[in-house]
Structure formats: C-alpha cells, structure tokens
Amino acid sequence: MLNLTEVLTDDGKEIQREVDLGLEVLSYRFGDFAITRKTPLSLTVVNAGGGKLLLKGNTQLEVMIPCARCLEPVAVRLEIRFDTEIEAENRDYIDGYNLNVDQLVHDEALLVWPERTLCREDCRGLCGVCGQNLNEGSCNCEPADLDPRMAKVLDIFSKFKEV
C-alpha cells in the first residue's frame, strides 16, 4: 500500500516513489503463477483534479508459466508499463488514502500476459496416450488412430512422397 494523503488533498500535486511489491503469486481464473523475481514499482501519481488520479509506472516480473505443449514450467519476464487515469474513489485500487499497488500490478500483468508460452520452439509435447514428456524420451504407445475424415489429406501427402 502506498499512502496518497499528500496527493489526494492537493489538486496538481505529484509524487514519485519506488514501491516494493508484496506479490508472490499472480492468481487468475486460468491458474496460479509463482513470481520468482520482481523489481520495485517505479510510480508517479498526479492529482489531476476533479477526483481523478494519473498513474504512470513500470516494473518487471519473472513468472513461472507452464509450457503450452509439455506443461514444464518456463520462466517468463513480464515488462509492465502503464499510464492510466483512475477515479480517486476507485475501490479496486484505493482504500481510504492508500493505493493498493499489488492489485494494480496484478491487473496490469494480465494485459501483457503472453498468448502462448513454449519451453523451446521444437518442444515435442506430451504423448496423447500415456502422458510421457516426449522431450525426455519416447514411449512405446501406438500412435492414436487418425480421424477417418483426414484420410484424404494423408493420401495427398503420400503422393508427394512417391514423387
């Protein structure tokens, strides 16, 4: 929490602070992700008048996200930068005269969340039958039967092999 008393009581007032984050985990509907490294939040808060605050800040988080193919944890660096305006009575971030910087960073992290995370570009993923991580070795499972609707596509590719 960052005390905003001096900013909230004076239109045009600006403060700049380095704020240590208390966040250890980012929790969203799609999972919980451990934060392994973080930098202090560099934050500027300006009372823009009319009950509005301008917030400008940046920080870096390193978060463990599972690989989309093999589910092994991958350290991903999130560069969080924001320049936003909020109402001084915003209950999501303001509690009395205090700004909840952890909640602010938590929400901003979602905006820079990677679309897809891979441990490496050539990740082989998991066996669809036994779940073996194919990056660590093959398994003895029979390949799954293909959808019969794909037979025509396989015929096309097999003709190219013959050429």
N, C-alpha and C. Protein backbone atom coordinates (compact mmCIF):
# COMPACT_ATOMS: atom_id res chain seq x y z
N MET A 1 0.84 -1.18 0.00
CA MET A 1 0.00 0.00 0.00
C MET A 1 0.88 1.24 0.00
N LEU A 2 0.45 2.22 -0.76
CA LEU A 2 1.16 3.50 -0.83
C LEU A 2 0.21 4.58 -0.33
N ASN A 3 0.65 5.33 0.68
CA ASN A 3 -0.16 6.40 1.24
C ASN A 3 -0.20 7.57 0.27
N LEU A 4 -1.41 7.98 -0.09
CA LEU A 4 -1.62 9.06 -1.06
C LEU A 4 -2.15 10.34 -0.43
N THR A 5 -2.07 10.46 0.90
CA THR A 5 -2.65 11.61 1.59
C THR A 5 -2.21 12.93 0.98
N GLU A 6 -0.89 13.10 0.78
CA GLU A 6 -0.41 14.38 0.26
C GLU A 6 -0.87 14.66 -1.17
N VAL A 7 -1.13 13.63 -1.96
CA VAL A 7 -1.59 13.82 -3.34
C VAL A 7 -3.09 14.10 -3.38
N LEU A 8 -3.85 13.34 -2.61
CA LEU A 8 -5.32 13.45 -2.66
C LEU A 8 -5.84 14.77 -2.12
N THR A 9 -5.06 15.45 -1.29
CA THR A 9 -5.55 16.68 -0.66
C THR A 9 -5.15 17.94 -1.42
N ASP A 10 -4.45 17.81 -2.55
CA ASP A 10 -3.94 18.99 -3.24
C ASP A 10 -3.98 18.78 -4.76
N ASP A 11 -4.94 19.43 -5.46
CA ASP A 11 -5.01 19.33 -6.92
C ASP A 11 -3.67 19.74 -7.54
N GLY A 12 -3.22 18.98 -8.52
CA GLY A 12 -1.97 19.27 -9.21
C GLY A 12 -0.75 18.67 -8.53
N LYS A 13 -0.91 18.15 -7.33
CA LYS A 13 0.22 17.57 -6.59
C LYS A 13 0.70 16.30 -7.28
N GLU A 14 2.03 16.11 -7.30
CA GLU A 14 2.63 14.94 -7.93
C GLU A 14 3.64 14.32 -6.97
N ILE A 15 3.66 12.99 -6.90
CA ILE A 15 4.68 12.29 -6.14
C ILE A 15 5.29 11.21 -7.02
N GLN A 16 6.55 10.91 -6.75
CA GLN A 16 7.25 9.83 -7.42
C GLN A 16 7.82 8.93 -6.34
N ARG A 17 7.60 7.63 -6.49
CA ARG A 17 8.05 6.67 -5.48
C ARG A 17 8.54 5.39 -6.14
N GLU A 18 9.45 4.73 -5.44
CA GLU A 18 9.82 3.34 -5.74
C GLU A 18 9.14 2.52 -4.67
N VAL A 19 8.27 1.60 -5.08
CA VAL A 19 7.46 0.84 -4.14
C VAL A 19 7.78 -0.65 -4.27
N ASP A 20 8.17 -1.27 -3.15
CA ASP A 20 8.40 -2.71 -3.17
C ASP A 20 7.06 -3.43 -3.27
N LEU A 21 7.04 -4.48 -4.06
CA LEU A 21 5.81 -5.25 -4.27
C LEU A 21 5.76 -6.41 -3.29
N GLY A 22 4.58 -6.67 -2.76
CA GLY A 22 4.39 -7.80 -1.87
C GLY A 22 3.91 -9.05 -2.61
N LEU A 23 3.61 -8.91 -3.88
CA LEU A 23 3.11 -10.04 -4.68
C LEU A 23 4.10 -11.20 -4.71
N GLU A 24 3.59 -12.40 -4.45
CA GLU A 24 4.40 -13.62 -4.58
C GLU A 24 3.84 -14.54 -5.67
N VAL A 25 2.55 -14.37 -5.94
CA VAL A 25 1.85 -15.21 -6.91
C VAL A 25 0.86 -14.35 -7.67
N LEU A 26 0.72 -14.60 -8.97
CA LEU A 26 -0.34 -13.99 -9.76
C LEU A 26 -1.43 -15.04 -9.90
N SER A 27 -2.62 -14.74 -9.40
CA SER A 27 -3.74 -15.68 -9.44
C SER A 27 -4.83 -15.13 -10.34
N TYR A 28 -5.18 -15.95 -11.34
CA TYR A 28 -6.24 -15.62 -12.26
C TYR A 28 -7.17 -16.82 -12.38
N ARG A 29 -8.25 -16.69 -13.11
CA ARG A 29 -9.17 -17.81 -13.29
C ARG A 29 -8.49 -19.01 -13.95
N PHE A 30 -7.49 -18.75 -14.76
CA PHE A 30 -6.83 -19.82 -15.51
C PHE A 30 -5.62 -20.40 -14.78
N GLY A 31 -5.36 -20.00 -13.54
CA GLY A 31 -4.30 -20.62 -12.76
C GLY A 31 -3.57 -19.66 -11.85
N ASP A 32 -2.68 -20.24 -11.04
CA ASP A 32 -1.82 -19.50 -10.13
C ASP A 32 -0.38 -19.63 -10.63
N PHE A 33 0.34 -18.50 -10.66
CA PHE A 33 1.67 -18.47 -11.26
C PHE A 33 2.65 -17.80 -10.30
N ALA A 34 3.66 -18.56 -9.89
CA ALA A 34 4.64 -18.06 -8.93
C ALA A 34 5.50 -16.97 -9.55
N ILE A 35 5.75 -15.93 -8.77
CA ILE A 35 6.66 -14.86 -9.17
C ILE A 35 8.03 -15.21 -8.59
N THR A 36 9.02 -15.36 -9.47
CA THR A 36 10.35 -15.75 -9.00
C THR A 36 11.30 -14.56 -8.85
N ARG A 37 11.01 -13.48 -9.55
CA ARG A 37 11.79 -12.24 -9.43
C ARG A 37 10.89 -11.05 -9.69
N LYS A 38 11.24 -9.92 -9.07
CA LYS A 38 10.46 -8.70 -9.29
C LYS A 38 11.34 -7.50 -8.97
N THR A 39 11.05 -6.41 -9.65
CA THR A 39 11.73 -5.16 -9.37
C THR A 39 10.73 -4.24 -8.68
N PRO A 40 11.22 -3.28 -7.90
CA PRO A 40 10.28 -2.33 -7.30
C PRO A 40 9.50 -1.59 -8.39
N LEU A 41 8.29 -1.22 -8.06
CA LEU A 41 7.45 -0.45 -8.96
C LEU A 41 7.89 1.00 -8.92
N SER A 42 8.28 1.53 -10.06
CA SER A 42 8.60 2.95 -10.19
C SER A 42 7.29 3.64 -10.55
N LEU A 43 6.79 4.50 -9.66
CA LEU A 43 5.44 5.02 -9.80
C LEU A 43 5.39 6.53 -9.66
N THR A 44 4.66 7.17 -10.55
CA THR A 44 4.35 8.59 -10.46
C THR A 44 2.84 8.71 -10.33
N VAL A 45 2.39 9.48 -9.33
CA VAL A 45 0.97 9.71 -9.10
C VAL A 45 0.73 11.21 -9.14
N VAL A 46 -0.24 11.64 -9.97
CA VAL A 46 -0.57 13.06 -10.10
C VAL A 46 -2.06 13.23 -9.81
N ASN A 47 -2.38 14.21 -8.95
CA ASN A 47 -3.78 14.57 -8.72
C ASN A 47 -4.19 15.49 -9.86
N ALA A 48 -4.99 14.97 -10.80
CA ALA A 48 -5.39 15.72 -11.98
C ALA A 48 -6.59 16.62 -11.72
N GLY A 49 -7.09 16.62 -10.50
CA GLY A 49 -8.25 17.42 -10.17
C GLY A 49 -9.53 16.70 -10.58
N GLY A 50 -10.64 17.19 -10.07
CA GLY A 50 -11.93 16.59 -10.43
C GLY A 50 -12.07 15.16 -9.95
N GLY A 51 -11.33 14.79 -8.91
CA GLY A 51 -11.42 13.42 -8.38
C GLY A 51 -10.70 12.39 -9.22
N LYS A 52 -9.76 12.82 -10.06
CA LYS A 52 -9.02 11.89 -10.92
C LYS A 52 -7.54 11.87 -10.56
N LEU A 53 -6.95 10.68 -10.67
CA LEU A 53 -5.53 10.49 -10.45
C LEU A 53 -4.90 9.94 -11.72
N LEU A 54 -3.73 10.46 -12.08
CA LEU A 54 -2.95 9.92 -13.18
C LEU A 54 -1.87 9.03 -12.58
N LEU A 55 -1.80 7.79 -13.04
CA LEU A 55 -0.82 6.84 -12.55
C LEU A 55 0.09 6.43 -13.71
N LYS A 56 1.38 6.57 -13.50
CA LYS A 56 2.34 6.15 -14.52
C LYS A 56 3.39 5.32 -13.80
N GLY A 57 3.64 4.12 -14.31
CA GLY A 57 4.60 3.27 -13.62
C GLY A 57 5.16 2.17 -14.49
N ASN A 58 6.19 1.53 -13.94
CA ASN A 58 6.78 0.37 -14.62
C ASN A 58 7.47 -0.52 -13.61
N THR A 59 7.49 -1.80 -13.92
CA THR A 59 8.15 -2.82 -13.13
C THR A 59 8.38 -4.03 -14.01
N GLN A 60 9.17 -4.97 -13.51
CA GLN A 60 9.39 -6.23 -14.22
C GLN A 60 9.11 -7.37 -13.26
N LEU A 61 8.45 -8.39 -13.78
CA LEU A 61 8.19 -9.61 -13.01
C LEU A 61 8.70 -10.79 -13.81
N GLU A 62 9.24 -11.78 -13.12
CA GLU A 62 9.54 -13.05 -13.76
C GLU A 62 8.57 -14.06 -13.16
N VAL A 63 7.78 -14.68 -14.03
CA VAL A 63 6.69 -15.55 -13.62
C VAL A 63 6.89 -16.93 -14.22
N MET A 64 6.56 -17.96 -13.45
CA MET A 64 6.64 -19.33 -13.95
C MET A 64 5.31 -19.70 -14.61
N ILE A 65 5.38 -19.95 -15.94
CA ILE A 65 4.20 -20.29 -16.72
C ILE A 65 4.44 -21.66 -17.36
N PRO A 66 3.46 -22.56 -17.32
CA PRO A 66 3.67 -23.87 -17.94
C PRO A 66 3.75 -23.79 -19.47
N CYS A 67 4.63 -24.60 -20.03
CA CYS A 67 4.75 -24.71 -21.49
C CYS A 67 3.41 -25.20 -22.04
N ALA A 68 3.00 -24.62 -23.15
CA ALA A 68 1.71 -24.97 -23.76
C ALA A 68 1.69 -26.40 -24.33
N ARG A 69 2.87 -26.99 -24.53
CA ARG A 69 2.91 -28.33 -25.10
C ARG A 69 3.24 -29.41 -24.08
N CYS A 70 4.25 -29.18 -23.23
CA CYS A 70 4.70 -30.24 -22.31
C CYS A 70 4.39 -29.95 -20.84
N LEU A 71 3.90 -28.75 -20.55
CA LEU A 71 3.50 -28.32 -19.21
C LEU A 71 4.66 -28.11 -18.24
N GLU A 72 5.90 -28.18 -18.71
CA GLU A 72 7.04 -27.87 -17.84
C GLU A 72 7.04 -26.37 -17.55
N PRO A 73 7.42 -25.97 -16.32
CA PRO A 73 7.42 -24.54 -16.00
C PRO A 73 8.50 -23.78 -16.78
N VAL A 74 8.14 -22.59 -17.24
CA VAL A 74 9.04 -21.74 -18.01
C VAL A 74 9.08 -20.36 -17.33
N ALA A 75 10.29 -19.84 -17.10
CA ALA A 75 10.43 -18.50 -16.52
C ALA A 75 10.19 -17.47 -17.63
N VAL A 76 9.18 -16.63 -17.44
CA VAL A 76 8.80 -15.63 -18.44
C VAL A 76 8.88 -14.25 -17.79
N ARG A 77 9.58 -13.34 -18.46
CA ARG A 77 9.69 -11.97 -17.94
C ARG A 77 8.56 -11.11 -18.49
N LEU A 78 7.85 -10.47 -17.59
CA LEU A 78 6.78 -9.57 -17.96
C LEU A 78 7.23 -8.14 -17.73
N GLU A 79 7.23 -7.34 -18.79
CA GLU A 79 7.55 -5.91 -18.70
C GLU A 79 6.23 -5.17 -18.52
N ILE A 80 6.01 -4.63 -17.36
CA ILE A 80 4.75 -3.96 -17.08
C ILE A 80 4.97 -2.46 -17.09
N ARG A 81 4.26 -1.79 -17.99
CA ARG A 81 4.30 -0.33 -18.10
C ARG A 81 2.87 0.16 -18.24
N PHE A 82 2.53 1.18 -17.48
CA PHE A 82 1.18 1.71 -17.59
C PHE A 82 1.20 3.22 -17.43
N ASP A 83 0.21 3.83 -18.01
CA ASP A 83 -0.03 5.26 -17.96
C ASP A 83 -1.54 5.39 -18.02
N THR A 84 -2.17 5.50 -16.86
CA THR A 84 -3.62 5.41 -16.81
C THR A 84 -4.21 6.46 -15.88
N GLU A 85 -5.49 6.67 -16.05
CA GLU A 85 -6.22 7.60 -15.19
C GLU A 85 -7.28 6.82 -14.45
N ILE A 86 -7.38 7.05 -13.14
CA ILE A 86 -8.42 6.40 -12.35
C ILE A 86 -9.15 7.44 -11.50
N GLU A 87 -10.31 7.07 -11.06
CA GLU A 87 -11.06 7.90 -10.13
C GLU A 87 -10.42 7.77 -8.76
N ALA A 88 -10.31 8.86 -8.03
CA ALA A 88 -9.73 8.82 -6.68
C ALA A 88 -10.55 7.95 -5.74
N GLU A 89 -11.78 7.66 -6.10
CA GLU A 89 -12.64 6.81 -5.28
C GLU A 89 -12.74 5.40 -5.84
N ASN A 90 -11.80 5.00 -6.70
CA ASN A 90 -11.79 3.67 -7.31
C ASN A 90 -11.55 2.63 -6.21
N ARG A 91 -12.56 1.84 -5.93
CA ARG A 91 -12.48 0.85 -4.83
C ARG A 91 -11.56 -0.33 -5.17
N ASP A 92 -11.27 -0.54 -6.46
CA ASP A 92 -10.37 -1.63 -6.83
C ASP A 92 -8.94 -1.35 -6.36
N TYR A 93 -8.55 -0.09 -6.39
CA TYR A 93 -7.16 0.26 -6.09
C TYR A 93 -6.99 1.19 -4.90
N ILE A 94 -8.01 1.96 -4.54
CA ILE A 94 -7.91 2.95 -3.47
C ILE A 94 -8.70 2.48 -2.26
N ASP A 95 -8.04 2.45 -1.11
CA ASP A 95 -8.68 2.13 0.16
C ASP A 95 -8.40 3.27 1.11
N GLY A 96 -9.37 4.14 1.30
CA GLY A 96 -9.15 5.34 2.11
C GLY A 96 -8.19 6.27 1.38
N TYR A 97 -7.00 6.46 1.96
CA TYR A 97 -5.96 7.28 1.34
C TYR A 97 -4.79 6.44 0.83
N ASN A 98 -5.02 5.13 0.67
CA ASN A 98 -3.94 4.22 0.27
C ASN A 98 -4.20 3.60 -1.09
N LEU A 99 -3.15 3.52 -1.88
CA LEU A 99 -3.20 2.88 -3.19
C LEU A 99 -2.69 1.45 -3.04
N ASN A 100 -3.48 0.48 -3.47
CA ASN A 100 -3.08 -0.92 -3.42
C ASN A 100 -2.24 -1.21 -4.68
N VAL A 101 -0.91 -1.05 -4.55
CA VAL A 101 -0.02 -1.21 -5.70
C VAL A 101 0.04 -2.66 -6.16
N ASP A 102 -0.10 -3.61 -5.22
CA ASP A 102 -0.08 -5.02 -5.62
C ASP A 102 -1.25 -5.35 -6.52
N GLN A 103 -2.43 -4.85 -6.21
CA GLN A 103 -3.61 -5.11 -7.04
C GLN A 103 -3.45 -4.44 -8.41
N LEU A 104 -2.89 -3.24 -8.41
CA LEU A 104 -2.66 -2.52 -9.67
C LEU A 104 -1.71 -3.31 -10.57
N VAL A 105 -0.59 -3.78 -10.03
CA VAL A 105 0.38 -4.56 -10.82
C VAL A 105 -0.23 -5.89 -11.24
N HIS A 106 -0.97 -6.54 -10.35
CA HIS A 106 -1.65 -7.80 -10.68
C HIS A 106 -2.53 -7.64 -11.91
N ASP A 107 -3.33 -6.57 -11.93
CA ASP A 107 -4.24 -6.35 -13.06
C ASP A 107 -3.49 -5.95 -14.33
N GLU A 108 -2.45 -5.16 -14.19
CA GLU A 108 -1.67 -4.74 -15.36
C GLU A 108 -0.88 -5.90 -15.95
N ALA A 109 -0.47 -6.86 -15.13
CA ALA A 109 0.27 -8.03 -15.62
C ALA A 109 -0.58 -8.83 -16.60
N LEU A 110 -1.87 -8.90 -16.35
CA LEU A 110 -2.77 -9.64 -17.23
C LEU A 110 -2.78 -9.05 -18.64
N LEU A 111 -2.59 -7.74 -18.74
CA LEU A 111 -2.61 -7.08 -20.05
C LEU A 111 -1.38 -7.40 -20.90
N VAL A 112 -0.29 -7.83 -20.26
CA VAL A 112 0.93 -8.17 -21.02
C VAL A 112 1.21 -9.68 -20.98
N TRP A 113 0.22 -10.44 -20.55
CA TRP A 113 0.38 -11.89 -20.45
C TRP A 113 0.64 -12.49 -21.83
N PRO A 114 1.62 -13.39 -21.95
CA PRO A 114 1.90 -13.98 -23.28
C PRO A 114 0.75 -14.84 -23.78
N GLU A 115 0.53 -14.77 -25.07
CA GLU A 115 -0.54 -15.55 -25.68
C GLU A 115 -0.26 -17.04 -25.57
N ARG A 116 1.00 -17.40 -25.76
CA ARG A 116 1.40 -18.80 -25.72
C ARG A 116 2.84 -18.88 -25.23
N THR A 117 3.11 -19.81 -24.33
CA THR A 117 4.44 -19.98 -23.78
C THR A 117 4.96 -21.36 -24.14
N LEU A 118 6.16 -21.41 -24.70
CA LEU A 118 6.80 -22.69 -25.02
C LEU A 118 8.15 -22.77 -24.31
N CYS A 119 8.52 -23.97 -23.86
CA CYS A 119 9.83 -24.14 -23.22
C CYS A 119 10.94 -24.00 -24.26
N ARG A 120 10.64 -24.39 -25.48
CA ARG A 120 11.53 -24.20 -26.63
C ARG A 120 10.70 -24.39 -27.90
N GLU A 121 11.16 -23.82 -28.98
CA GLU A 121 10.38 -23.85 -30.23
C GLU A 121 10.09 -25.27 -30.72
N ASP A 122 11.02 -26.20 -30.51
CA ASP A 122 10.82 -27.55 -31.01
C ASP A 122 10.29 -28.51 -29.93
N CYS A 123 9.59 -27.97 -28.95
CA CYS A 123 9.01 -28.80 -27.89
C CYS A 123 8.12 -29.86 -28.52
N ARG A 124 8.30 -31.12 -28.10
CA ARG A 124 7.55 -32.23 -28.68
C ARG A 124 6.26 -32.51 -27.92
N GLY A 125 6.09 -31.89 -26.76
CA GLY A 125 4.84 -32.04 -26.02
C GLY A 125 4.72 -33.34 -25.27
N LEU A 126 3.49 -33.73 -25.00
CA LEU A 126 3.18 -34.94 -24.24
C LEU A 126 2.54 -35.98 -25.14
N CYS A 127 2.78 -37.25 -24.84
CA CYS A 127 2.11 -38.34 -25.56
C CYS A 127 0.63 -38.24 -25.22
N GLY A 128 -0.21 -38.30 -26.24
CA GLY A 128 -1.65 -38.22 -26.04
C GLY A 128 -2.24 -39.46 -25.39
N VAL A 129 -1.45 -40.52 -25.31
CA VAL A 129 -1.96 -41.77 -24.73
C VAL A 129 -1.51 -41.92 -23.28
N CYS A 130 -0.19 -41.85 -23.03
CA CYS A 130 0.31 -42.12 -21.68
C CYS A 130 0.76 -40.87 -20.93
N GLY A 131 0.90 -39.74 -21.63
CA GLY A 131 1.30 -38.50 -20.96
C GLY A 131 2.80 -38.31 -20.82
N GLN A 132 3.60 -39.19 -21.40
CA GLN A 132 5.06 -39.07 -21.34
C GLN A 132 5.50 -37.75 -21.97
N ASN A 133 6.42 -37.05 -21.31
CA ASN A 133 7.02 -35.85 -21.89
C ASN A 133 7.95 -36.32 -22.99
N LEU A 134 7.60 -36.04 -24.23
CA LEU A 134 8.37 -36.55 -25.37
C LEU A 134 9.70 -35.84 -25.56
N ASN A 135 9.94 -34.74 -24.82
CA ASN A 135 11.25 -34.09 -24.84
C ASN A 135 12.26 -34.92 -24.04
N GLU A 136 11.77 -35.72 -23.10
CA GLU A 136 12.64 -36.52 -22.24
C GLU A 136 12.84 -37.93 -22.78
N GLY A 137 12.11 -38.29 -23.79
CA GLY A 137 12.25 -39.61 -24.38
C GLY A 137 10.94 -40.06 -24.97
N SER A 138 11.04 -41.09 -25.84
CA SER A 138 9.82 -41.58 -26.48
C SER A 138 9.17 -42.64 -25.58
N CYS A 139 7.96 -42.98 -25.94
CA CYS A 139 7.23 -44.02 -25.20
C CYS A 139 6.93 -45.15 -26.17
N ASN A 140 6.32 -46.19 -25.67
CA ASN A 140 6.01 -47.36 -26.51
C ASN A 140 4.54 -47.40 -26.92
N CYS A 141 3.87 -46.28 -26.84
CA CYS A 141 2.45 -46.23 -27.20
C CYS A 141 2.29 -46.30 -28.72
N GLU A 142 1.20 -46.95 -29.12
CA GLU A 142 0.84 -46.97 -30.52
C GLU A 142 0.29 -45.59 -30.88
N PRO A 143 0.64 -45.07 -32.05
CA PRO A 143 0.07 -43.78 -32.44
C PRO A 143 -1.46 -43.87 -32.45
N ALA A 144 -2.08 -42.81 -32.01
CA ALA A 144 -3.54 -42.77 -31.97
C ALA A 144 -4.09 -42.87 -33.39
N ASP A 145 -5.22 -43.55 -33.52
CA ASP A 145 -5.86 -43.63 -34.83
C ASP A 145 -6.30 -42.24 -35.24
N LEU A 146 -6.04 -41.95 -36.51
CA LEU A 146 -6.44 -40.65 -37.02
C LEU A 146 -7.91 -40.63 -37.36
N ASP A 147 -8.47 -39.49 -37.33
CA ASP A 147 -9.86 -39.27 -37.71
C ASP A 147 -10.00 -39.70 -39.17
N PRO A 148 -10.96 -40.56 -39.49
CA PRO A 148 -11.12 -41.04 -40.87
C PRO A 148 -11.32 -39.92 -41.89
N ARG A 149 -11.82 -38.79 -41.42
CA ARG A 149 -12.01 -37.66 -42.34
C ARG A 149 -10.68 -37.11 -42.82
N MET A 150 -9.59 -37.46 -42.12
CA MET A 150 -8.27 -36.97 -42.52
C MET A 150 -7.60 -37.89 -43.56
N ALA A 151 -8.21 -39.02 -43.87
CA ALA A 151 -7.63 -39.98 -44.80
C ALA A 151 -7.31 -39.35 -46.15
N LYS A 152 -8.19 -38.50 -46.65
CA LYS A 152 -7.96 -37.85 -47.94
C LYS A 152 -6.73 -36.95 -47.89
N VAL A 153 -6.56 -36.26 -46.79
CA VAL A 153 -5.40 -35.38 -46.65
C VAL A 153 -4.12 -36.22 -46.63
N LEU A 154 -4.14 -37.34 -45.90
CA LEU A 154 -2.97 -38.23 -45.86
C LEU A 154 -2.67 -38.79 -47.24
N ASP A 155 -3.69 -39.09 -48.03
CA ASP A 155 -3.48 -39.58 -49.39
C ASP A 155 -2.74 -38.54 -50.23
N ILE A 156 -3.10 -37.29 -50.08
CA ILE A 156 -2.44 -36.21 -50.84
C ILE A 156 -0.96 -36.16 -50.48
N PHE A 157 -0.65 -36.20 -49.17
CA PHE A 157 0.75 -36.12 -48.74
C PHE A 157 1.54 -37.36 -49.15
N SER A 158 0.93 -38.51 -49.13
CA SER A 158 1.63 -39.74 -49.52
C SER A 158 1.99 -39.71 -51.02
N LYS A 159 1.19 -39.04 -51.85
CA LYS A 159 1.51 -38.91 -53.26
C LYS A 159 2.76 -38.07 -53.46
N PHE A 160 2.97 -37.05 -52.61
CA PHE A 160 4.17 -36.22 -52.71
C PHE A 160 5.40 -37.02 -52.36
N LYS A 161 5.28 -37.95 -51.42
CA LYS A 161 6.43 -38.78 -51.02
C LYS A 161 6.87 -39.68 -52.15
N GLU A 162 5.92 -40.13 -52.98
CA GLU A 162 6.22 -41.03 -54.08
C GLU A 162 6.98 -40.36 -55.19
N VAL A 163 6.87 -39.05 -55.30
CA VAL A 163 7.49 -38.31 -56.40
C VAL A 163 8.95 -38.17 -56.23
